[in-house]
């Protein structure tokens, strides 16, 4: 009768760390392998794949389109950026343009939410 992988895992989980260490040594001797080498070989491809998937820490809030309520969007842009009325209007009319750059994720999401509530179409990049 063969054991399923789940049954093997349950059996290992019920053992102490010392018993698991002894089991690993027995497996290394029986199969002529080293658990440390196997762990490195398995971890290496994962580490290489994880490097490009590094989490982004700075975001740009980009105004894609002003939407139907341009005045509310201009007010939101002024509030977020501190720009004057003319500069904020030019930014909104020149969409797509970056409203704020290099923001932490939470701040970027808050700014995007404020612009979306005003009726704008926004993207985080």
Protein backbone atom coordinates (compact mmCIF):
# COMPACT_ATOMS: atom_id res chain seq x y z
CA UNK A 1 0.00 0.00 0.00
CA UNK A 2 1.54 3.29 -1.15
CA UNK A 3 1.20 6.42 0.94
CA UNK A 4 -0.04 9.63 -0.62
CA UNK A 5 2.06 12.76 -0.48
CA UNK A 6 -0.48 14.25 1.94
CA UNK A 7 -0.11 11.28 4.31
CA UNK A 8 3.69 11.59 4.16
CA UNK A 9 3.51 15.31 4.95
CA UNK A 10 1.16 14.67 7.88
CA UNK A 11 3.54 12.04 9.24
CA UNK A 12 6.52 14.39 8.92
CA UNK A 13 4.59 17.23 10.53
CA UNK A 14 3.99 15.13 13.62
CA UNK A 15 7.75 14.58 14.13
CA UNK A 16 10.15 16.70 16.18
CA UNK A 17 12.86 18.75 14.50
CA UNK A 18 15.50 16.26 15.68
CA UNK A 19 13.56 13.35 14.15
CA UNK A 20 13.16 15.24 10.87
CA UNK A 21 16.90 15.98 10.81
CA UNK A 22 17.63 12.26 11.28
CA UNK A 23 15.14 11.42 8.51
CA UNK A 24 16.88 13.82 6.13
CA UNK A 25 20.27 12.24 6.89
CA UNK A 26 18.82 8.77 6.26
CA UNK A 27 17.35 9.92 2.94
CA UNK A 28 20.66 11.48 1.89
CA UNK A 29 22.47 8.20 2.61
CA UNK A 30 19.86 5.97 0.96
CA UNK A 31 19.54 8.00 -2.25
CA UNK A 32 23.08 9.40 -2.39
CA UNK A 33 21.99 13.04 -2.51
CA UNK A 34 22.51 16.13 -0.42
CA UNK A 35 19.47 18.11 0.73
CA UNK A 36 21.51 21.33 0.83
CA UNK A 37 22.53 21.00 -2.82
CA UNK A 38 18.96 20.24 -3.85
CA UNK A 39 17.68 23.27 -1.95
CA UNK A 40 20.21 25.53 -3.70
CA UNK A 41 19.38 24.07 -7.11
CA UNK A 42 15.67 24.61 -6.54
CA UNK A 43 16.07 28.09 -5.07
CA UNK A 44 18.33 29.42 -7.84
CA UNK A 45 15.71 29.51 -10.63
CA UNK A 46 13.16 31.06 -8.27
CA UNK A 47 15.61 33.73 -7.16
CA UNK A 48 16.40 34.64 -10.76
CA UNK A 49 12.71 34.93 -11.59
CA UNK A 50 11.97 36.96 -8.47
CA UNK A 51 14.56 39.65 -9.22
CA UNK A 52 12.64 41.30 -12.12
CA UNK A 53 9.39 41.09 -10.14
CA UNK A 54 10.76 43.51 -7.56
CA UNK A 55 7.98 45.58 -6.04
CA UNK A 56 7.82 49.11 -7.28
CA UNK A 57 8.08 51.74 -4.55
CA UNK A 58 7.53 54.98 -6.48
CA UNK A 59 4.52 55.71 -8.65
CA UNK A 60 3.48 58.45 -11.05
CA UNK A 61 -0.15 59.61 -11.09
CA UNK A 62 -1.02 60.20 -14.74
CA UNK A 63 -4.17 62.02 -15.79
CA UNK A 64 -5.43 60.10 -18.84
CA UNK A 65 -8.56 62.16 -19.52
CA UNK A 66 -10.46 64.91 -17.72
CA UNK A 67 -13.87 63.35 -18.17
CA UNK A 68 -17.15 65.25 -18.25
CA UNK A 69 -16.58 67.36 -15.12
CA UNK A 70 -13.43 69.27 -16.10
CA UNK A 71 -13.88 71.98 -13.45
CA UNK A 72 -13.91 69.46 -10.58
CA UNK A 73 -10.82 67.78 -12.05
CA UNK A 74 -9.01 71.14 -12.28
CA UNK A 75 -9.88 71.82 -8.61
CA UNK A 76 -8.56 68.38 -7.62
CA UNK A 77 -5.33 68.94 -9.59
CA UNK A 78 -4.84 72.33 -7.92
CA UNK A 79 -5.39 70.77 -4.50
CA UNK A 80 -2.93 67.94 -5.18
CA UNK A 81 -0.20 69.97 -6.84
CA UNK A 82 -0.50 73.50 -5.52
CA UNK A 83 -0.54 74.82 -9.09
CA UNK A 84 -2.33 78.01 -10.03
CA UNK A 85 -5.63 77.99 -11.91
CA UNK A 86 -4.07 78.50 -15.37
CA UNK A 87 -1.36 75.86 -14.84
CA UNK A 88 -3.86 73.32 -13.51
CA UNK A 89 -6.23 74.03 -16.43
CA UNK A 90 -3.37 73.59 -18.93
CA UNK A 91 -2.36 70.31 -17.30
CA UNK A 92 -5.93 68.95 -17.41
CA UNK A 93 -6.47 70.05 -21.02
CA UNK A 94 -3.10 68.59 -22.05
CA UNK A 95 -3.98 65.09 -20.79
CA UNK A 96 -2.48 62.53 -20.77
CA UNK A 97 0.05 64.12 -18.40
CA UNK A 98 1.67 63.25 -15.10
CA UNK A 99 0.05 65.08 -12.21
CA UNK A 100 2.45 63.87 -9.49
CA UNK A 101 5.63 61.80 -9.85
CA UNK A 102 7.68 59.63 -7.51
CA UNK A 103 4.99 59.14 -4.88
CA UNK A 104 4.82 56.24 -2.42
CA UNK A 105 2.10 53.73 -3.28
CA UNK A 106 -0.38 54.87 -0.61
CA UNK A 107 -0.06 58.55 -1.58
CA UNK A 108 -0.34 57.75 -5.29
CA UNK A 109 -3.50 55.70 -4.72
CA UNK A 110 -5.01 58.49 -2.60
CA UNK A 111 -4.25 61.08 -5.31
CA UNK A 112 -5.68 58.81 -8.01
CA UNK A 113 -8.83 58.26 -5.94
CA UNK A 114 -9.31 62.02 -5.47
CA UNK A 115 -8.99 62.61 -9.23
CA UNK A 116 -11.32 59.72 -10.07
CA UNK A 117 -13.92 61.04 -7.63
CA UNK A 118 -13.75 64.34 -9.53
CA UNK A 119 -14.54 62.44 -12.75
CA UNK A 120 -11.09 62.03 -14.29
CA UNK A 121 -9.60 58.90 -15.81
CA UNK A 122 -6.32 58.17 -14.01
CA UNK A 123 -3.48 55.64 -14.34
CA UNK A 124 -0.68 54.76 -11.90
CA UNK A 125 2.65 54.09 -13.56
